[in-house]
Protein backbone atom coordinates (compact mmCIF):
# COMPACT_ATOMS: atom_id res chain seq x y z
CA UNK A 1 2.04 0.50 8.12
CA UNK A 2 -0.27 0.09 11.23
CA UNK A 3 1.45 0.15 15.25
CA UNK A 4 4.96 -0.82 13.55
CA UNK A 5 3.71 -4.02 11.28
CA UNK A 6 3.33 -4.59 8.19
CA UNK A 7 1.34 -6.91 6.47
CA UNK A 8 2.62 -9.47 3.46
CA UNK A 9 0.08 -12.29 2.24
CA UNK A 10 2.13 -14.51 0.05
CA UNK A 11 0.44 -16.54 -2.54
CA UNK A 12 -0.89 -20.14 -2.62
CA UNK A 13 1.80 -20.85 -4.91
CA UNK A 14 4.58 -19.74 -2.12
CA UNK A 15 2.61 -21.90 0.26
CA UNK A 16 2.60 -24.68 -1.90
CA UNK A 17 5.85 -24.50 -2.46
CA UNK A 18 7.31 -24.22 1.30
CA UNK A 19 4.88 -27.44 2.11
CA UNK A 20 6.27 -29.66 -0.19
CA UNK A 21 10.02 -30.20 1.39
CA UNK A 22 8.19 -30.63 4.99
CA UNK A 23 5.36 -33.70 3.65
CA UNK A 24 7.93 -35.93 5.16
CA UNK A 25 8.91 -34.95 8.49
CA UNK A 26 8.57 -35.11 12.18
CA UNK A 27 9.52 -32.92 15.14
CA UNK A 28 11.21 -34.30 18.01
CA UNK A 29 11.83 -33.17 20.88
CA UNK A 30 13.26 -34.64 23.87
CA UNK A 31 12.46 -34.29 27.49
CA UNK A 32 15.42 -33.33 29.78
CA UNK A 33 18.71 -33.60 28.69
CA UNK A 34 19.53 -33.72 24.57
CA UNK A 35 22.53 -36.32 23.62
CA UNK A 36 25.51 -35.02 21.62
CA UNK A 37 24.02 -34.26 18.42
CA UNK A 38 26.54 -36.48 15.93
CA UNK A 39 25.86 -39.31 18.43
CA UNK A 40 21.92 -38.68 18.18
CA UNK A 41 22.09 -38.80 14.42
CA UNK A 42 23.76 -41.83 14.02
CA UNK A 43 21.21 -43.25 16.88
CA UNK A 44 18.50 -41.93 14.57
CA UNK A 45 19.94 -43.67 11.42
CA UNK A 46 20.23 -46.69 12.82
CA UNK A 47 16.79 -46.69 14.40
CA UNK A 48 14.70 -45.25 11.32
CA UNK A 49 17.09 -44.92 8.64
CA UNK A 50 17.17 -48.73 7.22
CA UNK A 51 15.45 -47.61 4.21
CA UNK A 52 17.16 -44.49 2.82
CA UNK A 53 18.94 -41.46 4.45
CA UNK A 54 17.38 -39.49 7.38
CA UNK A 55 18.37 -35.88 7.58
CA UNK A 56 18.33 -34.07 10.71
CA UNK A 57 17.63 -30.44 11.50
CA UNK A 58 18.18 -28.78 14.71
CA UNK A 59 15.31 -26.38 15.22
CA UNK A 60 15.44 -25.67 18.66
CA UNK A 61 17.52 -26.51 22.16
CA UNK A 62 16.10 -29.75 22.53
CA UNK A 63 14.15 -29.54 19.15
CA UNK A 64 14.23 -31.44 15.94
CA UNK A 65 13.20 -31.67 12.55
CA UNK A 66 13.39 -34.87 10.80
CA UNK A 67 13.23 -35.94 7.04
CA UNK A 68 12.33 -39.00 5.73
CA UNK A 69 12.57 -40.33 2.35
CA UNK A 70 9.07 -40.98 2.08
CA UNK A 71 5.60 -40.60 3.89
CA UNK A 72 5.70 -44.77 4.61
CA UNK A 73 8.76 -44.40 6.93
CA UNK A 74 7.74 -41.39 8.55
CA UNK A 75 4.41 -42.89 9.40
CA UNK A 76 6.03 -46.17 10.79
CA UNK A 77 7.77 -44.13 13.07
CA UNK A 78 4.83 -41.98 14.44
CA UNK A 79 2.78 -44.90 14.57
CA UNK A 80 5.05 -46.55 17.55
CA UNK A 81 3.89 -45.71 20.86
CA UNK A 82 7.26 -44.54 22.52
CA UNK A 83 10.54 -43.46 21.59
CA UNK A 84 14.24 -43.21 23.42
CA UNK A 85 17.10 -42.61 22.35
CA UNK A 86 20.12 -43.11 24.24
CA UNK A 87 17.82 -44.11 27.66
CA UNK A 88 16.13 -40.47 26.92
CA UNK A 89 12.41 -40.17 26.02
CA UNK A 90 11.42 -38.11 23.25
CA UNK A 91 7.99 -36.82 21.56
CA UNK A 92 7.20 -37.03 18.23
CA UNK A 93 4.49 -35.47 15.79
CA UNK A 94 3.84 -35.08 12.11
CA UNK A 95 5.12 -31.68 11.24
CA UNK A 96 1.15 -30.05 9.65
CA UNK A 97 0.82 -26.87 7.83
CA UNK A 98 -0.25 -23.90 9.65
CA UNK A 99 2.30 -25.50 12.87
CA UNK A 100 3.08 -22.27 14.05
CA UNK A 101 5.19 -22.94 16.89
CA UNK A 102 7.43 -26.28 16.54
CA UNK A 103 8.05 -26.82 20.48
CA UNK A 104 5.99 -28.53 22.12
CA UNK A 105 3.60 -27.58 24.81
CA UNK A 106 4.08 -30.22 27.73
CA UNK A 107 0.85 -29.09 29.35
CA UNK A 108 -0.66 -31.07 26.25
CA UNK A 109 1.37 -33.89 25.18
CA UNK A 110 0.96 -36.50 21.78
CA UNK A 111 -0.23 -40.05 23.22
CA UNK A 112 -1.17 -43.05 21.43
CA UNK A 113 -5.03 -44.54 22.43
CA UNK A 114 -6.62 -47.65 21.45
CA UNK A 115 -10.73 -47.54 21.12
CA UNK A 116 -11.90 -50.72 21.33
CA UNK A 117 -16.00 -51.55 20.56
CA UNK A 118 -16.13 -48.73 17.91
CA UNK A 119 -19.83 -49.54 15.92
CA UNK A 120 -19.06 -50.10 12.56
CA UNK A 121 -20.99 -47.30 11.00
CA UNK A 122 -18.51 -45.00 13.10
CA UNK A 123 -15.80 -46.37 12.33
CA UNK A 124 -14.56 -43.93 9.61
CA UNK A 125 -12.13 -41.36 9.97
CA UNK A 126 -14.70 -39.08 10.61
CA UNK A 127 -16.47 -41.03 13.14
CA UNK A 128 -13.37 -42.12 15.23
CA UNK A 129 -12.03 -38.48 15.15
CA UNK A 130 -15.33 -37.47 16.81
CA UNK A 131 -15.35 -40.32 19.54
CA UNK A 132 -11.50 -39.49 20.37
CA UNK A 133 -12.42 -35.78 20.10
CA UNK A 134 -13.68 -36.75 24.16
CA UNK A 135 -10.11 -37.01 25.25
CA UNK A 136 -8.54 -34.31 23.39
CA UNK A 137 -7.10 -33.29 19.99
CA UNK A 138 -7.05 -36.17 17.49
CA UNK A 139 -3.96 -35.36 15.20
CA UNK A 140 -3.71 -39.06 13.50
CA UNK A 141 -4.72 -42.64 13.25
CA UNK A 142 -2.27 -45.26 12.47
CA UNK A 143 -2.36 -46.79 8.44
CA UNK A 144 -4.55 -49.79 9.92
CA UNK A 145 -7.30 -47.94 11.48
CA UNK A 146 -7.60 -45.28 8.67
CA UNK A 147 -7.72 -48.05 6.01
CA UNK A 148 -10.10 -49.98 7.96
CA UNK A 149 -7.88 -53.11 7.81
CA UNK A 150 -8.07 -53.77 11.46
CA UNK A 151 -11.38 -53.18 13.53
CA UNK A 152 -10.77 -54.59 16.36
CA UNK A 153 -9.53 -51.27 17.61
CA UNK A 154 -9.14 -47.85 16.23
CA UNK A 155 -5.47 -46.38 17.32
CA UNK A 156 -5.31 -42.82 17.59
CA UNK A 157 -2.68 -40.11 18.48
CA UNK A 158 -4.17 -37.70 20.44
CA UNK A 159 -2.99 -34.10 21.75
CA UNK A 160 -4.06 -34.90 25.99
CA UNK A 161 -4.44 -32.22 28.76
CA UNK A 162 -1.39 -33.64 31.18
CA UNK A 163 -3.74 -32.32 34.25
CA UNK A 164 -6.52 -34.06 33.08
CA UNK A 165 -7.43 -38.10 33.89
CA UNK A 166 -7.89 -40.36 30.89
CA UNK A 167 -11.45 -41.75 31.07
CA UNK A 168 -11.34 -45.72 30.61
CA UNK A 169 -14.33 -45.54 28.48
CA UNK A 170 -16.48 -43.04 26.57
CA UNK A 171 -20.21 -43.48 25.92
CA UNK A 172 -21.24 -42.44 22.72
CA UNK A 173 -25.41 -42.16 21.44
CA UNK A 174 -26.06 -43.79 18.79
CA UNK A 175 -28.22 -42.69 16.13
CA UNK A 176 -31.51 -44.63 17.31
CA UNK A 177 -31.25 -43.67 20.79
CA UNK A 178 -29.02 -46.64 22.37
CA UNK A 179 -25.17 -46.57 24.12
CA UNK A 180 -22.00 -47.59 23.06
CA UNK A 181 -19.49 -48.42 25.20
CA UNK A 182 -16.48 -47.14 23.64
CA UNK A 183 -12.90 -48.77 25.76
CA UNK A 184 -10.31 -46.62 26.08
CA UNK A 185 -6.55 -48.19 26.65
CA UNK A 186 -2.96 -46.37 26.50
CA UNK A 187 -1.04 -49.37 24.24
């Protein structure tokens, strides 16, 4: 023991076991006053429970953990641009391993952006993430972008600093020294 602290190091097996129940989970935070819990629960099941039971857990004053029956339903919810429940806006993000705190830092918010004119050689998860990092911290892509089913634009959820202005364009230097102008749009 040092400075009144004790160190423990759980095994990989313990972490793996703890990770499993949360893989189909999102974190939801209301901006402003939250609705009544039972009304919120009913509305979530109407909006998102069409393919199975949705489990809601209170995680803080205006913070919830929502578990879905499978990852496909979770991803559909995440891919929508904005959600409102009882006319109250909510912020939605995927739970990820190592997430230290559940509540959102309102100085940075996750938003969806569309990146148009991405060169095909950069239309990979790594290439798109690299381009998107010019705007903030890339969190995840929609399934059409990740699977390269739609190549007209890449749709990426990015954690963006709310104090900064989002540019309309990102200029990318290509391997041959030419430049590509990537248009940035918030859908």
